[in-house]
Protein backbone atom coordinates (compact mmCIF):
# COMPACT_ATOMS: atom_id res chain seq x y z
CA MET A 1 0.00 0.00 0.00
CA ARG A 2 1.37 3.39 -0.89
CA GLU A 3 1.92 5.95 1.83
CA GLU A 4 -0.61 8.39 0.40
CA ASN A 5 -3.32 5.75 0.38
CA PHE A 6 -2.52 4.74 3.96
CA ILE A 7 -2.76 8.35 5.15
CA ALA A 8 -5.98 8.96 3.21
CA PHE A 9 -7.57 5.81 4.65
CA TRP A 10 -6.80 6.80 8.24
CA LEU A 11 -7.91 10.38 7.59
CA VAL A 12 -11.34 9.22 6.42
CA PHE A 13 -11.50 6.65 9.22
CA GLY A 14 -10.69 9.37 11.76
CA PHE A 15 -13.41 11.59 10.32
CA PHE A 16 -16.07 8.93 10.74
CA VAL A 17 -14.86 7.96 14.20
CA GLY A 18 -14.98 11.66 15.09
CA LEU A 19 -18.54 11.89 13.82
CA LEU A 20 -19.50 8.86 15.88
CA ILE A 21 -17.86 10.21 19.03
CA GLY A 22 -19.27 13.69 18.42
CA PHE A 23 -22.84 12.49 18.01
CA MET A 24 -22.59 10.27 21.06
CA SER A 25 -21.00 12.77 23.43
CA GLN A 26 -22.02 16.28 22.36
CA THR A 27 -25.30 18.06 21.77
CA GLY A 28 -24.35 21.32 20.11
CA ALA A 29 -23.36 21.59 16.45
CA PHE A 30 -20.15 23.48 17.19
CA ASP A 31 -19.18 20.92 19.85
CA ILE A 32 -19.74 18.04 17.43
CA LEU A 33 -17.70 19.85 14.77
CA SER A 34 -14.83 20.47 17.18
CA VAL A 35 -14.77 16.81 18.29
CA VAL A 36 -14.75 15.72 14.63
CA ALA A 37 -11.89 18.10 13.83
CA VAL A 38 -9.78 17.03 16.82
CA THR A 39 -10.34 13.33 16.19
CA THR A 40 -9.60 13.67 12.47
CA LEU A 41 -6.45 15.65 13.24
CA PHE A 42 -5.35 12.97 15.73
CA PHE A 43 -5.79 10.16 13.21
CA TYR A 44 -4.09 12.23 10.50
CA LEU A 45 -1.05 12.86 12.69
CA MET A 46 -0.89 9.22 13.81
CA ALA A 47 -0.98 8.09 10.18
CA HIS A 48 1.92 10.43 9.35
CA VAL A 49 3.91 9.23 12.36
CA SER A 50 3.27 5.60 11.37
CA VAL A 51 4.40 6.19 7.78
CA ALA A 52 7.47 8.11 8.92
CA LEU A 53 8.51 5.36 11.33
CA PHE A 54 7.85 2.68 8.72
CA VAL A 55 10.02 4.42 6.14
CA ARG A 56 12.68 5.19 8.74
CA PHE A 57 13.10 1.66 10.05
CA MET A 58 12.49 -0.38 6.91
CA GLU A 59 15.65 -1.18 5.01
CA PHE A 60 14.62 -1.35 1.40
CA ASP A 61 18.15 -1.90 0.10
CA LYS A 62 18.57 -5.34 1.67
CA VAL A 63 16.33 -7.09 -0.83
CA HIS A 64 18.25 -7.83 -4.00
CA PHE A 65 16.95 -9.87 -6.86
CA GLU A 66 19.77 -11.99 -8.22
CA LYS A 67 18.69 -12.35 -11.80
CA GLU A 68 21.63 -14.48 -12.93
CA ALA A 69 21.13 -17.10 -10.21
CA TYR A 70 17.40 -17.13 -10.87
CA ASP A 71 17.99 -17.60 -14.61
CA ARG A 72 20.43 -20.46 -13.96
CA LYS A 73 17.88 -22.24 -11.77
CA LEU A 74 15.13 -21.75 -14.33
CA ASP A 75 17.38 -23.09 -17.10
CA TYR A 76 18.26 -26.11 -14.97
CA PHE A 77 14.59 -26.89 -14.25
CA TYR A 78 13.68 -26.37 -17.91
CA ASN A 79 16.41 -28.78 -19.03
CA GLN A 80 15.27 -31.32 -16.44
CA LEU A 81 11.72 -31.09 -17.73
CA LEU A 82 12.89 -31.57 -21.31
CA GLN A 83 14.94 -34.61 -20.31
CA ARG A 84 12.02 -36.17 -18.47
CA GLU A 85 9.69 -35.49 -21.40
CA ARG A 86 12.12 -37.29 -23.70
CA GLU A 87 12.24 -40.25 -21.31
CA VAL A 88 8.46 -40.40 -21.09
CA ASP A 89 8.14 -40.15 -24.88
CA THR A 90 10.55 -43.06 -25.43
CA GLU A 91 8.69 -45.14 -22.85
CA ARG A 92 5.37 -44.27 -24.49
CA VAL A 93 6.71 -45.39 -27.87
CA ALA A 94 8.01 -48.61 -26.31
CA PHE A 95 4.65 -49.27 -24.66
CA ALA A 96 2.84 -48.58 -27.94
CA GLU A 97 5.11 -51.04 -29.79
CA ASN A 98 4.65 -53.61 -27.03
CA GLU A 99 0.88 -53.18 -27.21
CA LYS A 100 0.97 -53.50 -30.98
CA GLY A 101 2.94 -56.77 -30.69
CA THR A 102 0.54 -58.08 -28.05
CA ARG A 103 -2.48 -57.34 -30.26
CA MET A 104 -0.88 -59.14 -33.20
CA ARG A 105 -0.18 -62.22 -31.05
CA ARG A 106 -3.77 -62.24 -29.74
CA GLU A 107 -5.13 -62.05 -33.28
CA GLU A 108 -2.90 -64.95 -34.36
CA ARG A 109 -4.14 -67.06 -31.45
CA LYS A 110 -7.77 -66.39 -32.33
CA ARG A 111 -7.30 -67.66 -35.91
């Protein structure tokens, strides 16, 4: 989630929480508006503090994508798949020939 979206979410959340608290605790319109403003400001500041601490303590440089090693592994797995496909194909051909021979022998016995 991007920082701007995080801050916007908590700003709107703070507004609605402020409305809820204002309607439950105050009777005058100005009092409700002041509670909404204070609560929204509190959530807005907490969202900024959270984003600032997240960016401050996260180390984004530690994650490196080693493309060469990844490509070598993918090539290895691809070659293994090709080798196994060749083995399966030769076995399939051998089974087909064996089945063909078995059918011919059965037909000869029936005659």
